[in-house]
Amino acid sequence: MIKTIFVSNLSPEVDEEQIRELFKQYGEVKSLNLITHQKTGKSKGICFVEMNPDDADDAIKALDGRELEGREIYVRLLKEEEGKNTAEL
């Protein structure tokens, strides 16, 4: 089983490697999808990270509210409900 983590309020300057390095401290990153602007290639401020359940729980606890590139990031579990994905608040 894999859990998907929703990360928001990322700086446009953040890249996939920075996020991967941040999350791999808590376990294996199965996949990472940084949402970027098609024209500029810069981050739109959100990404999705997939990890094993225990690793994901540890990462969420440790990283929610942490500063990255001058911004406080928000890290939440993404819940799948009735065909929709929503961030657990």
C-alpha atoms as a PDB file:
ATOM      1  CA  MET A   1       0.000   0.000   0.000  1.00  0.00           C
ATOM      2  CA  ILE A   2       1.149   3.505  -0.817  1.00  0.00           C
ATOM      3  CA  LYS A   3       0.056   6.841   0.650  1.00  0.00           C
ATOM      4  CA  THR A   4      -0.015  10.031  -1.376  1.00  0.00           C
ATOM      5  CA  ILE A   5       1.094  13.239   0.288  1.00  0.00           C
ATOM      6  CA  PHE A   6      -0.095  16.642  -0.935  1.00  0.00           C
ATOM      7  CA  VAL A   7       2.458  19.436  -0.498  1.00  0.00           C
ATOM      8  CA  SER A   8       1.469  23.079  -1.027  1.00  0.00           C
ATOM      9  CA  ASN A   9       2.770  26.641  -0.673  1.00  0.00           C
ATOM     10  CA  LEU A  10       6.035  25.745  -2.400  1.00  0.00           C
ATOM     11  CA  SER A  11       8.220  28.517  -3.768  1.00  0.00           C
ATOM     12  CA  PRO A  12       8.358  28.748  -7.581  1.00  0.00           C
ATOM     13  CA  GLU A  13      12.114  28.216  -7.223  1.00  0.00           C
ATOM     14  CA  VAL A  14      11.778  24.743  -5.655  1.00  0.00           C
ATOM     15  CA  ASP A  15      12.645  21.804  -7.895  1.00  0.00           C
ATOM     16  CA  GLU A  16      11.966  18.061  -7.725  1.00  0.00           C
ATOM     17  CA  GLU A  17      15.430  17.249  -6.407  1.00  0.00           C
ATOM     18  CA  GLN A  18      14.981  19.546  -3.375  1.00  0.00           C
ATOM     19  CA  ILE A  19      11.646  17.933  -2.538  1.00  0.00           C
ATOM     20  CA  ARG A  20      13.006  14.408  -3.035  1.00  0.00           C
ATOM     21  CA  GLU A  21      15.963  15.173  -0.724  1.00  0.00           C
ATOM     22  CA  LEU A  22      13.611  16.573   1.905  1.00  0.00           C
ATOM     23  CA  PHE A  23      11.257  13.585   1.891  1.00  0.00           C
ATOM     24  CA  LYS A  24      13.819  10.801   1.551  1.00  0.00           C
ATOM     25  CA  GLN A  25      14.975  11.570   5.093  1.00  0.00           C
ATOM     26  CA  TYR A  26      11.786   9.773   6.182  1.00  0.00           C
ATOM     27  CA  GLY A  27      11.863   6.824   3.778  1.00  0.00           C
ATOM     28  CA  GLU A  28      11.781   5.812   0.152  1.00  0.00           C
ATOM     29  CA  VAL A  29      10.044   8.220  -2.214  1.00  0.00           C
ATOM     30  CA  LYS A  30       8.083   5.948  -4.564  1.00  0.00           C
ATOM     31  CA  SER A  31       7.093   8.793  -6.882  1.00  0.00           C
ATOM     32  CA  LEU A  32       7.064  12.563  -6.952  1.00  0.00           C
ATOM     33  CA  ASN A  33       5.021  14.847  -9.187  1.00  0.00           C
ATOM     34  CA  LEU A  34       5.855  18.550  -8.977  1.00  0.00           C
ATOM     35  CA  ILE A  35       3.210  20.573 -10.801  1.00  0.00           C
ATOM     36  CA  THR A  36       4.921  23.150 -13.008  1.00  0.00           C
ATOM     37  CA  HIS A  37       3.969  25.957 -15.374  1.00  0.00           C
ATOM     38  CA  GLN A  38       4.099  24.701 -18.932  1.00  0.00           C
ATOM     39  CA  LYS A  39       5.861  27.817 -20.258  1.00  0.00           C
ATOM     40  CA  THR A  40       8.288  28.644 -17.459  1.00  0.00           C
ATOM     41  CA  GLY A  41       8.907  25.208 -15.978  1.00  0.00           C
ATOM     42  CA  LYS A  42       8.728  26.737 -12.487  1.00  0.00           C
ATOM     43  CA  SER A  43       6.691  25.210  -9.693  1.00  0.00           C
ATOM     44  CA  LYS A  44       3.018  26.146  -9.368  1.00  0.00           C
ATOM     45  CA  GLY A  45       3.450  25.660  -5.628  1.00  0.00           C
ATOM     46  CA  ILE A  46       2.102  22.125  -5.252  1.00  0.00           C
ATOM     47  CA  CYS A  47       3.346  18.577  -5.575  1.00  0.00           C
ATOM     48  CA  PHE A  48       2.363  15.013  -4.799  1.00  0.00           C
ATOM     49  CA  VAL A  49       4.710  12.541  -3.111  1.00  0.00           C
ATOM     50  CA  GLU A  50       4.045   8.804  -2.782  1.00  0.00           C
ATOM     51  CA  MET A  51       5.615   6.838   0.069  1.00  0.00           C
ATOM     52  CA  ASN A  52       5.019   3.732   2.166  1.00  0.00           C
ATOM     53  CA  PRO A  53       2.365   4.395   4.859  1.00  0.00           C
ATOM     54  CA  ASP A  54       4.649   4.592   7.911  1.00  0.00           C
ATOM     55  CA  ASP A  55       7.199   6.716   6.060  1.00  0.00           C
ATOM     56  CA  ALA A  56       4.457   9.025   4.796  1.00  0.00           C
ATOM     57  CA  ASP A  57       3.061   9.496   8.308  1.00  0.00           C
ATOM     58  CA  ASP A  58       6.529  10.352   9.640  1.00  0.00           C
ATOM     59  CA  ALA A  59       7.173  12.802   6.788  1.00  0.00           C
ATOM     60  CA  ILE A  60       3.838  14.565   7.285  1.00  0.00           C
ATOM     61  CA  LYS A  61       4.430  14.992  11.018  1.00  0.00           C
ATOM     62  CA  ALA A  62       7.976  16.263  10.527  1.00  0.00           C
ATOM     63  CA  LEU A  63       7.538  18.494   7.494  1.00  0.00           C
ATOM     64  CA  ASP A  64       4.156  20.199   7.877  1.00  0.00           C
ATOM     65  CA  GLY A  65       4.893  23.831   8.659  1.00  0.00           C
ATOM     66  CA  ARG A  66       8.592  23.560   7.871  1.00  0.00           C
ATOM     67  CA  GLU A  67      10.270  26.353   5.921  1.00  0.00           C
ATOM     68  CA  LEU A  68      11.602  25.609   2.448  1.00  0.00           C
ATOM     69  CA  GLU A  69      13.086  28.335   0.255  1.00  0.00           C
ATOM     70  CA  GLY A  70      11.597  31.036   2.487  1.00  0.00           C
ATOM     71  CA  ARG A  71       8.058  29.640   2.609  1.00  0.00           C
ATOM     72  CA  GLU A  72       6.195  27.605   5.201  1.00  0.00           C
ATOM     73  CA  ILE A  73       5.074  24.448   3.401  1.00  0.00           C
ATOM     74  CA  TYR A  74       1.867  22.555   4.111  1.00  0.00           C
ATOM     75  CA  VAL A  75       2.079  18.773   4.043  1.00  0.00           C
ATOM     76  CA  ARG A  76      -1.122  16.710   4.198  1.00  0.00           C
ATOM     77  CA  LEU A  77      -2.298  13.200   3.465  1.00  0.00           C
ATOM     78  CA  LEU A  78      -4.231  13.037   0.217  1.00  0.00           C
ATOM     79  CA  LYS A  79      -7.422  11.049   0.711  1.00  0.00           C
ATOM     80  CA  GLU A  80      -9.271   9.381  -2.117  1.00  0.00           C
ATOM     81  CA  GLU A  81     -13.003   9.696  -1.633  1.00  0.00           C
ATOM     82  CA  GLU A  82     -15.624   8.668  -4.166  1.00  0.00           C
ATOM     83  CA  GLY A  83     -13.329   9.150  -7.127  1.00  0.00           C
ATOM     84  CA  LYS A  84     -12.042  12.536  -5.927  1.00  0.00           C
ATOM     85  CA  ASN A  85      -8.746  13.376  -4.319  1.00  0.00           C
ATOM     86  CA  THR A  86      -8.864  15.740  -1.365  1.00  0.00           C
ATOM     87  CA  ALA A  87      -6.237  16.889   1.091  1.00  0.00           C
ATOM     88  CA  GLU A  88      -7.008  15.928   4.659  1.00  0.00           C
ATOM     89  CA  LEU A  89      -7.136  19.064   6.761  1.00  0.00           C
END
